[in-house]
N, C-alpha and C. Protein backbone atom coordinates (compact mmCIF):
# COMPACT_ATOMS: atom_id res chain seq x y z
N UNK A 1 -2.51 -0.56 11.44
CA UNK A 1 -1.78 -0.70 10.20
C UNK A 1 -2.74 -0.50 9.05
N UNK A 2 -2.27 0.24 8.04
CA UNK A 2 -3.09 0.50 6.86
C UNK A 2 -2.22 0.43 5.62
N UNK A 3 -2.85 0.18 4.48
CA UNK A 3 -2.14 0.17 3.20
C UNK A 3 -2.72 1.26 2.33
N UNK A 4 -1.84 1.97 1.61
CA UNK A 4 -2.27 2.97 0.64
C UNK A 4 -1.65 2.64 -0.71
N UNK A 5 -2.46 2.78 -1.75
CA UNK A 5 -2.00 2.55 -3.12
C UNK A 5 -2.05 3.87 -3.87
N UNK A 6 -0.90 4.31 -4.37
CA UNK A 6 -0.81 5.57 -5.09
C UNK A 6 -1.12 5.33 -6.57
N UNK A 7 -2.23 5.85 -7.02
CA UNK A 7 -2.65 5.80 -8.41
C UNK A 7 -2.41 4.42 -9.05
N UNK A 8 -2.99 3.38 -8.48
CA UNK A 8 -2.75 2.04 -9.02
C UNK A 8 -3.23 1.93 -10.46
N UNK A 9 -2.50 1.15 -11.28
CA UNK A 9 -2.90 1.07 -12.68
C UNK A 9 -3.14 -0.35 -13.18
N UNK A 10 -3.01 -1.35 -12.33
CA UNK A 10 -3.32 -2.72 -12.74
C UNK A 10 -4.43 -3.24 -11.83
N UNK A 11 -5.64 -3.42 -12.37
CA UNK A 11 -6.79 -3.78 -11.53
C UNK A 11 -6.63 -5.10 -10.79
N UNK A 12 -5.98 -6.07 -11.39
CA UNK A 12 -5.81 -7.36 -10.72
C UNK A 12 -4.95 -7.22 -9.46
N UNK A 13 -3.91 -6.42 -9.53
CA UNK A 13 -3.05 -6.21 -8.35
C UNK A 13 -3.82 -5.49 -7.25
N UNK A 14 -4.57 -4.49 -7.61
CA UNK A 14 -5.35 -3.75 -6.62
C UNK A 14 -6.38 -4.66 -5.96
N UNK A 15 -7.08 -5.45 -6.75
CA UNK A 15 -8.05 -6.39 -6.19
C UNK A 15 -7.40 -7.39 -5.25
N UNK A 16 -6.21 -7.88 -5.61
CA UNK A 16 -5.49 -8.82 -4.77
C UNK A 16 -5.07 -8.18 -3.45
N UNK A 17 -4.59 -6.93 -3.51
CA UNK A 17 -4.18 -6.22 -2.29
C UNK A 17 -5.38 -5.95 -1.40
N UNK A 18 -6.51 -5.60 -1.99
CA UNK A 18 -7.71 -5.37 -1.18
C UNK A 18 -8.19 -6.66 -0.53
N UNK A 19 -8.05 -7.77 -1.22
CA UNK A 19 -8.39 -9.07 -0.63
C UNK A 19 -7.47 -9.35 0.55
N UNK A 20 -6.17 -9.07 0.40
CA UNK A 20 -5.21 -9.21 1.49
C UNK A 20 -5.64 -8.37 2.69
N UNK A 21 -6.02 -7.12 2.44
CA UNK A 21 -6.46 -6.23 3.51
C UNK A 21 -7.70 -6.78 4.21
N UNK A 22 -8.64 -7.30 3.44
CA UNK A 22 -9.86 -7.87 4.03
C UNK A 22 -9.51 -9.03 4.94
N UNK A 23 -8.66 -9.92 4.46
CA UNK A 23 -8.32 -11.12 5.24
C UNK A 23 -7.55 -10.81 6.51
N UNK A 24 -6.74 -9.74 6.49
CA UNK A 24 -5.91 -9.42 7.65
C UNK A 24 -6.46 -8.26 8.49
N UNK A 25 -7.64 -7.76 8.13
CA UNK A 25 -8.27 -6.71 8.93
C UNK A 25 -7.56 -5.38 8.86
N UNK A 26 -7.10 -5.02 7.66
CA UNK A 26 -6.34 -3.79 7.46
C UNK A 26 -7.11 -2.87 6.52
N UNK A 27 -7.24 -1.62 6.87
CA UNK A 27 -7.91 -0.64 6.00
C UNK A 27 -7.04 -0.34 4.79
N UNK A 28 -7.68 -0.02 3.68
CA UNK A 28 -6.98 0.28 2.43
C UNK A 28 -7.37 1.67 1.93
N UNK A 29 -6.41 2.34 1.32
CA UNK A 29 -6.62 3.66 0.74
C UNK A 29 -6.22 3.62 -0.72
N UNK A 30 -7.04 4.18 -1.57
CA UNK A 30 -6.70 4.31 -2.98
C UNK A 30 -6.59 5.81 -3.26
N UNK A 31 -5.39 6.21 -3.67
CA UNK A 31 -5.14 7.61 -3.98
C UNK A 31 -5.33 7.76 -5.49
N UNK A 32 -6.34 8.51 -5.88
CA UNK A 32 -6.73 8.68 -7.28
C UNK A 32 -5.77 9.63 -8.01
N UNK A 33 -5.76 9.57 -9.33
CA UNK A 33 -6.63 8.74 -10.14
C UNK A 33 -6.06 7.33 -10.32
N UNK A 34 -6.95 6.36 -10.27
CA UNK A 34 -6.57 4.99 -10.58
C UNK A 34 -6.61 4.82 -12.10
N UNK A 35 -5.88 3.85 -12.60
CA UNK A 35 -5.81 3.63 -14.04
C UNK A 35 -6.91 2.74 -14.58
N UNK A 36 -7.97 2.54 -13.79
CA UNK A 36 -9.07 1.67 -14.20
C UNK A 36 -10.29 2.03 -13.38
N UNK A 37 -11.49 1.73 -13.89
CA UNK A 37 -12.71 1.98 -13.11
C UNK A 37 -12.91 0.88 -12.07
N UNK A 38 -13.54 1.23 -10.97
CA UNK A 38 -13.79 0.25 -9.91
C UNK A 38 -14.70 -0.87 -10.42
N UNK A 39 -15.41 -0.62 -11.48
CA UNK A 39 -16.28 -1.65 -12.04
C UNK A 39 -15.52 -2.63 -12.93
N UNK A 40 -14.21 -2.42 -13.13
CA UNK A 40 -13.42 -3.29 -14.00
C UNK A 40 -13.55 -4.76 -13.59
N UNK A 41 -13.79 -5.63 -14.56
CA UNK A 41 -14.03 -7.05 -14.24
C UNK A 41 -12.79 -7.73 -13.67
N UNK A 42 -11.59 -7.31 -14.10
CA UNK A 42 -10.36 -7.91 -13.55
C UNK A 42 -10.18 -7.54 -12.07
N UNK A 43 -10.51 -6.29 -11.76
CA UNK A 43 -10.46 -5.82 -10.38
C UNK A 43 -11.44 -6.62 -9.52
N UNK A 44 -12.66 -6.73 -9.98
CA UNK A 44 -13.69 -7.46 -9.24
C UNK A 44 -13.33 -8.94 -9.09
N UNK A 45 -12.79 -9.54 -10.15
CA UNK A 45 -12.43 -10.96 -10.09
C UNK A 45 -11.31 -11.19 -9.08
N UNK A 46 -10.29 -10.32 -9.09
CA UNK A 46 -9.18 -10.49 -8.15
C UNK A 46 -9.63 -10.28 -6.71
N UNK A 47 -10.53 -9.32 -6.48
CA UNK A 47 -11.01 -9.05 -5.13
C UNK A 47 -12.08 -10.01 -4.67
N UNK A 48 -12.75 -10.66 -5.63
CA UNK A 48 -13.83 -11.60 -5.37
C UNK A 48 -14.85 -10.98 -4.42
N UNK A 49 -15.43 -11.79 -3.57
CA UNK A 49 -16.43 -11.30 -2.63
C UNK A 49 -15.80 -10.67 -1.39
N UNK A 50 -14.49 -10.55 -1.37
CA UNK A 50 -13.79 -9.96 -0.23
C UNK A 50 -13.90 -8.44 -0.22
N UNK A 51 -14.23 -7.85 -1.35
CA UNK A 51 -14.28 -6.39 -1.43
C UNK A 51 -15.31 -5.79 -0.47
N UNK A 52 -16.34 -6.56 -0.15
CA UNK A 52 -17.34 -6.09 0.81
C UNK A 52 -16.85 -6.21 2.25
N UNK A 53 -15.70 -6.84 2.45
CA UNK A 53 -15.19 -7.09 3.80
C UNK A 53 -14.02 -6.19 4.17
N UNK A 54 -13.69 -5.25 3.32
CA UNK A 54 -12.54 -4.37 3.59
C UNK A 54 -13.01 -2.92 3.65
N UNK A 55 -12.41 -2.15 4.55
CA UNK A 55 -12.66 -0.72 4.61
C UNK A 55 -11.77 -0.06 3.57
N UNK A 56 -12.40 0.56 2.58
CA UNK A 56 -11.66 1.23 1.51
C UNK A 56 -11.98 2.72 1.55
N UNK A 57 -10.94 3.52 1.65
CA UNK A 57 -11.10 4.97 1.57
C UNK A 57 -10.48 5.42 0.25
N UNK A 58 -11.24 6.16 -0.51
CA UNK A 58 -10.73 6.70 -1.77
C UNK A 58 -10.43 8.18 -1.55
N UNK A 59 -9.27 8.60 -2.01
CA UNK A 59 -8.85 9.99 -1.89
C UNK A 59 -8.74 10.55 -3.30
N UNK A 60 -9.38 11.69 -3.56
CA UNK A 60 -9.42 12.27 -4.90
C UNK A 60 -8.06 12.65 -5.46
N UNK A 61 -7.09 12.87 -4.57
CA UNK A 61 -5.77 13.32 -5.01
C UNK A 61 -4.75 13.06 -3.91
N UNK A 62 -3.48 13.21 -4.27
CA UNK A 62 -2.41 13.09 -3.30
C UNK A 62 -2.57 14.15 -2.20
N UNK A 63 -2.90 15.39 -2.58
CA UNK A 63 -3.02 16.45 -1.58
C UNK A 63 -4.15 16.17 -0.59
N UNK A 64 -5.25 15.61 -1.06
CA UNK A 64 -6.35 15.28 -0.14
C UNK A 64 -5.95 14.13 0.79
N UNK A 65 -5.21 13.14 0.27
CA UNK A 65 -4.70 12.07 1.12
C UNK A 65 -3.77 12.64 2.19
N UNK A 66 -2.88 13.54 1.79
CA UNK A 66 -1.93 14.15 2.73
C UNK A 66 -2.66 14.95 3.81
N UNK A 67 -3.70 15.67 3.44
CA UNK A 67 -4.49 16.40 4.43
C UNK A 67 -5.06 15.41 5.45
N UNK A 68 -5.68 14.35 4.97
CA UNK A 68 -6.27 13.34 5.85
C UNK A 68 -5.20 12.73 6.76
N UNK A 69 -4.05 12.37 6.17
CA UNK A 69 -2.96 11.73 6.94
C UNK A 69 -2.42 12.67 8.00
N UNK A 70 -2.24 13.92 7.67
CA UNK A 70 -1.70 14.88 8.63
C UNK A 70 -2.65 15.11 9.80
N UNK A 71 -3.94 15.14 9.54
CA UNK A 71 -4.93 15.29 10.61
C UNK A 71 -4.85 14.10 11.56
N UNK A 72 -4.67 12.90 11.00
CA UNK A 72 -4.59 11.69 11.82
C UNK A 72 -3.23 11.46 12.45
N UNK A 73 -2.20 12.16 11.98
CA UNK A 73 -0.86 12.00 12.53
C UNK A 73 -0.20 10.67 12.21
N UNK A 74 -0.55 10.07 11.08
CA UNK A 74 0.01 8.77 10.70
C UNK A 74 1.38 8.92 10.04
N UNK A 75 2.27 7.96 10.33
CA UNK A 75 3.54 7.90 9.61
C UNK A 75 3.30 7.26 8.26
N UNK A 76 4.03 7.72 7.26
CA UNK A 76 3.91 7.18 5.90
C UNK A 76 5.19 6.42 5.56
N UNK A 77 5.05 5.14 5.30
CA UNK A 77 6.19 4.27 5.01
C UNK A 77 6.11 3.86 3.54
N UNK A 78 7.01 4.39 2.72
CA UNK A 78 7.02 4.14 1.29
C UNK A 78 7.89 2.93 0.97
N UNK A 79 7.33 2.02 0.19
CA UNK A 79 8.09 0.88 -0.31
C UNK A 79 8.49 1.19 -1.74
N UNK A 80 9.80 1.19 -2.00
CA UNK A 80 10.33 1.63 -3.27
C UNK A 80 11.59 0.86 -3.62
N UNK A 81 11.78 0.62 -4.91
CA UNK A 81 13.01 -0.04 -5.36
C UNK A 81 14.21 0.87 -5.15
N UNK A 82 13.97 2.16 -4.89
CA UNK A 82 15.05 3.11 -4.67
C UNK A 82 15.37 3.30 -3.18
N UNK A 83 14.69 2.55 -2.32
CA UNK A 83 14.96 2.65 -0.89
C UNK A 83 16.33 2.12 -0.55
N UNK A 84 16.88 2.57 0.57
CA UNK A 84 18.20 2.09 0.99
C UNK A 84 18.13 1.20 2.22
N UNK A 85 17.06 1.32 2.98
CA UNK A 85 16.91 0.51 4.18
C UNK A 85 16.00 -0.68 3.89
N UNK A 86 16.40 -1.85 4.39
CA UNK A 86 15.59 -3.04 4.19
C UNK A 86 14.32 -2.97 5.04
N UNK A 87 13.23 -3.43 4.48
CA UNK A 87 11.96 -3.47 5.20
C UNK A 87 12.04 -4.36 6.44
N UNK A 88 12.99 -5.27 6.48
CA UNK A 88 13.15 -6.16 7.63
C UNK A 88 13.85 -5.48 8.81
N UNK A 89 14.57 -4.39 8.54
CA UNK A 89 15.31 -3.69 9.59
C UNK A 89 14.54 -2.51 10.18
N UNK A 90 13.36 -2.23 9.66
CA UNK A 90 12.59 -1.07 10.10
C UNK A 90 11.71 -1.43 11.30
N UNK A 91 11.52 -0.49 12.21
CA UNK A 91 10.63 -0.66 13.36
C UNK A 91 9.27 -0.05 13.04
N UNK A 92 8.29 -0.90 12.82
CA UNK A 92 6.95 -0.46 12.46
C UNK A 92 6.14 -0.11 13.70
N UNK A 93 5.14 0.73 13.48
CA UNK A 93 4.17 1.09 14.50
C UNK A 93 2.80 0.65 14.01
N UNK A 94 1.91 0.30 14.90
CA UNK A 94 0.57 -0.13 14.51
C UNK A 94 -0.19 0.96 13.77
N UNK A 95 0.23 2.21 13.91
CA UNK A 95 -0.46 3.33 13.25
C UNK A 95 0.17 3.71 11.91
N UNK A 96 1.09 2.91 11.39
CA UNK A 96 1.74 3.23 10.12
C UNK A 96 0.82 3.00 8.93
N UNK A 97 1.08 3.75 7.87
CA UNK A 97 0.46 3.53 6.57
C UNK A 97 1.57 3.07 5.63
N UNK A 98 1.40 1.88 5.07
CA UNK A 98 2.37 1.34 4.13
C UNK A 98 1.93 1.76 2.73
N UNK A 99 2.78 2.51 2.05
CA UNK A 99 2.43 3.09 0.75
C UNK A 99 3.16 2.37 -0.38
N UNK A 100 2.38 2.03 -1.42
CA UNK A 100 2.92 1.37 -2.61
C UNK A 100 2.55 2.20 -3.83
N UNK A 101 3.52 2.39 -4.73
CA UNK A 101 3.32 3.23 -5.89
C UNK A 101 2.72 2.50 -7.08
N UNK A 102 2.57 3.24 -8.15
CA UNK A 102 2.04 2.71 -9.40
C UNK A 102 2.97 1.61 -9.92
N UNK A 103 2.39 0.59 -10.46
CA UNK A 103 3.18 -0.50 -11.02
C UNK A 103 4.05 0.00 -12.17
N UNK A 104 3.56 0.94 -12.94
CA UNK A 104 4.28 1.41 -14.12
C UNK A 104 5.28 2.52 -13.84
N UNK A 105 5.12 3.25 -12.73
CA UNK A 105 5.96 4.43 -12.55
C UNK A 105 6.35 4.73 -11.10
N UNK A 106 5.94 3.94 -10.13
CA UNK A 106 6.26 4.24 -8.74
C UNK A 106 5.50 5.48 -8.27
N UNK A 107 6.20 6.36 -7.56
CA UNK A 107 5.60 7.61 -7.08
C UNK A 107 6.49 8.77 -7.50
N UNK A 108 5.91 9.97 -7.66
CA UNK A 108 6.73 11.14 -8.00
C UNK A 108 7.56 11.62 -6.81
N UNK A 109 8.55 12.46 -7.10
CA UNK A 109 9.46 12.97 -6.07
C UNK A 109 8.71 13.66 -4.93
N UNK A 110 7.62 14.35 -5.24
CA UNK A 110 6.81 15.03 -4.22
C UNK A 110 6.34 14.04 -3.15
N UNK A 111 5.95 12.84 -3.57
CA UNK A 111 5.48 11.82 -2.64
C UNK A 111 6.66 11.24 -1.87
N UNK A 112 7.75 10.98 -2.55
CA UNK A 112 8.96 10.46 -1.90
C UNK A 112 9.38 11.41 -0.77
N UNK A 113 9.34 12.71 -1.04
CA UNK A 113 9.76 13.71 -0.05
C UNK A 113 8.90 13.71 1.20
N UNK A 114 7.64 13.32 1.09
CA UNK A 114 6.72 13.33 2.23
C UNK A 114 6.79 12.05 3.08
N UNK A 115 7.43 11.01 2.55
CA UNK A 115 7.50 9.74 3.28
C UNK A 115 8.38 9.86 4.52
N UNK A 116 7.92 9.25 5.60
CA UNK A 116 8.71 9.22 6.83
C UNK A 116 9.83 8.21 6.75
N UNK A 117 9.67 7.21 5.89
CA UNK A 117 10.72 6.20 5.65
C UNK A 117 10.55 5.69 4.23
N UNK A 118 11.68 5.32 3.61
CA UNK A 118 11.69 4.75 2.27
C UNK A 118 12.40 3.41 2.36
N UNK A 119 11.62 2.35 2.20
CA UNK A 119 12.13 1.00 2.41
C UNK A 119 12.17 0.20 1.13
N UNK A 120 13.06 -0.77 1.09
CA UNK A 120 13.19 -1.65 -0.06
C UNK A 120 13.08 -3.10 0.41
N UNK A 121 12.53 -3.92 -0.45
CA UNK A 121 12.55 -5.37 -0.23
C UNK A 121 13.72 -5.88 -1.07
N UNK A 122 14.79 -6.30 -0.43
CA UNK A 122 15.97 -6.72 -1.19
C UNK A 122 15.65 -7.92 -2.10
N UNK A 123 16.08 -7.82 -3.34
CA UNK A 123 15.91 -8.93 -4.29
C UNK A 123 17.24 -9.19 -4.99
N UNK A 124 17.28 -10.26 -5.75
CA UNK A 124 18.48 -10.68 -6.46
C UNK A 124 18.96 -9.58 -7.41
N UNK A 125 20.26 -9.27 -7.39
CA UNK A 125 20.79 -8.23 -8.28
C UNK A 125 20.45 -8.53 -9.75
N UNK A 126 20.19 -7.46 -10.49
CA UNK A 126 19.89 -7.60 -11.90
C UNK A 126 18.41 -7.71 -12.21
N UNK A 127 17.59 -7.94 -11.20
CA UNK A 127 16.15 -8.01 -11.40
C UNK A 127 15.53 -6.69 -10.96
N UNK A 128 14.42 -6.28 -11.63
CA UNK A 128 13.83 -4.96 -11.39
C UNK A 128 13.06 -4.87 -10.08
N UNK A 129 12.04 -5.72 -9.93
CA UNK A 129 11.17 -5.56 -8.77
C UNK A 129 10.23 -6.75 -8.65
N UNK A 130 9.61 -6.83 -7.48
CA UNK A 130 8.55 -7.81 -7.24
C UNK A 130 7.22 -7.25 -7.75
N UNK A 131 6.26 -8.11 -7.95
CA UNK A 131 4.89 -7.68 -8.21
C UNK A 131 4.42 -6.89 -6.99
N UNK A 132 3.68 -5.81 -7.21
CA UNK A 132 3.28 -4.93 -6.11
C UNK A 132 2.40 -5.66 -5.09
N UNK A 133 1.56 -6.59 -5.53
CA UNK A 133 0.72 -7.33 -4.58
C UNK A 133 1.58 -8.25 -3.71
N UNK A 134 2.60 -8.85 -4.30
CA UNK A 134 3.53 -9.69 -3.54
C UNK A 134 4.31 -8.84 -2.53
N UNK A 135 4.77 -7.68 -2.98
CA UNK A 135 5.50 -6.77 -2.09
C UNK A 135 4.62 -6.31 -0.93
N UNK A 136 3.36 -6.00 -1.22
CA UNK A 136 2.44 -5.58 -0.16
C UNK A 136 2.24 -6.69 0.85
N UNK A 137 2.11 -7.92 0.39
CA UNK A 137 1.91 -9.05 1.31
C UNK A 137 3.14 -9.24 2.20
N UNK A 138 4.32 -9.17 1.60
CA UNK A 138 5.54 -9.33 2.40
C UNK A 138 5.68 -8.22 3.43
N UNK A 139 5.48 -6.98 2.99
CA UNK A 139 5.63 -5.83 3.87
C UNK A 139 4.60 -5.85 5.00
N UNK A 140 3.35 -6.11 4.65
CA UNK A 140 2.30 -6.14 5.66
C UNK A 140 2.53 -7.27 6.65
N UNK A 141 2.95 -8.42 6.15
CA UNK A 141 3.23 -9.54 7.04
C UNK A 141 4.30 -9.20 8.07
N UNK A 142 5.37 -8.57 7.63
CA UNK A 142 6.44 -8.19 8.55
C UNK A 142 5.97 -7.12 9.53
N UNK A 143 5.24 -6.13 9.03
CA UNK A 143 4.76 -5.05 9.91
C UNK A 143 3.82 -5.59 10.97
N UNK A 144 2.92 -6.48 10.59
CA UNK A 144 1.98 -7.07 11.56
C UNK A 144 2.72 -7.99 12.54
N UNK A 145 3.72 -8.71 12.05
CA UNK A 145 4.50 -9.58 12.95
C UNK A 145 5.19 -8.74 14.02
N UNK A 146 5.81 -7.65 13.59
CA UNK A 146 6.53 -6.81 14.55
C UNK A 146 5.60 -6.15 15.56
N UNK A 147 4.45 -5.70 15.11
CA UNK A 147 3.56 -4.97 16.01
C UNK A 147 2.63 -5.87 16.79
N UNK A 148 2.61 -7.16 16.44
CA UNK A 148 1.72 -8.09 17.13
C UNK A 148 0.27 -7.79 16.87
N UNK A 149 0.03 -7.08 15.77
CA UNK A 149 -1.31 -6.63 15.44
C UNK A 149 -1.95 -7.54 14.40
N UNK A 150 -3.26 -7.53 14.34
CA UNK A 150 -3.97 -8.23 13.28
C UNK A 150 -4.65 -7.23 12.37
N UNK A 151 -4.23 -5.99 12.44
CA UNK A 151 -4.85 -4.94 11.64
C UNK A 151 -5.87 -4.21 12.48
N UNK A 152 -6.42 -3.13 11.91
CA UNK A 152 -7.36 -2.33 12.69
C UNK A 152 -8.53 -1.84 11.88
N UNK A 153 -8.48 -2.00 10.59
CA UNK A 153 -9.51 -1.44 9.68
C UNK A 153 -9.62 0.06 9.86
N UNK A 154 -8.53 0.71 10.15
CA UNK A 154 -8.63 2.10 10.01
C UNK A 154 -8.28 3.07 10.99
């Protein structure tokens, strides 16, 4: 199981997700450009000393990430407020990559089209969305529960 962040733009959320990945033994991917430098103090504070404990792969662009993913044969599972299937009803594989979009804009149609599945975390009607770090924790928890995995770091 792996997590990918598409052009993240809030350093605190990215740091929190990387800390989650470190604690659960899951590799993380950052698809550039990110909306902040890796040296950002909010990013470092949220990740704390856990950043040295996580495998982080940075991809210069969406196309480079797609090249890497296609070579590895990984399924791409997009979490989106526009998904129609609940994340709880999906059958995960230990080799899946869980993809989360930008906090401010999600992902472009090109990325949506490449996803093997588009899932939603159902929330109360009238509300927009969960915080991306909270959504990543919920999604990863369910995926690891189903696969009986503790992560693989890559």
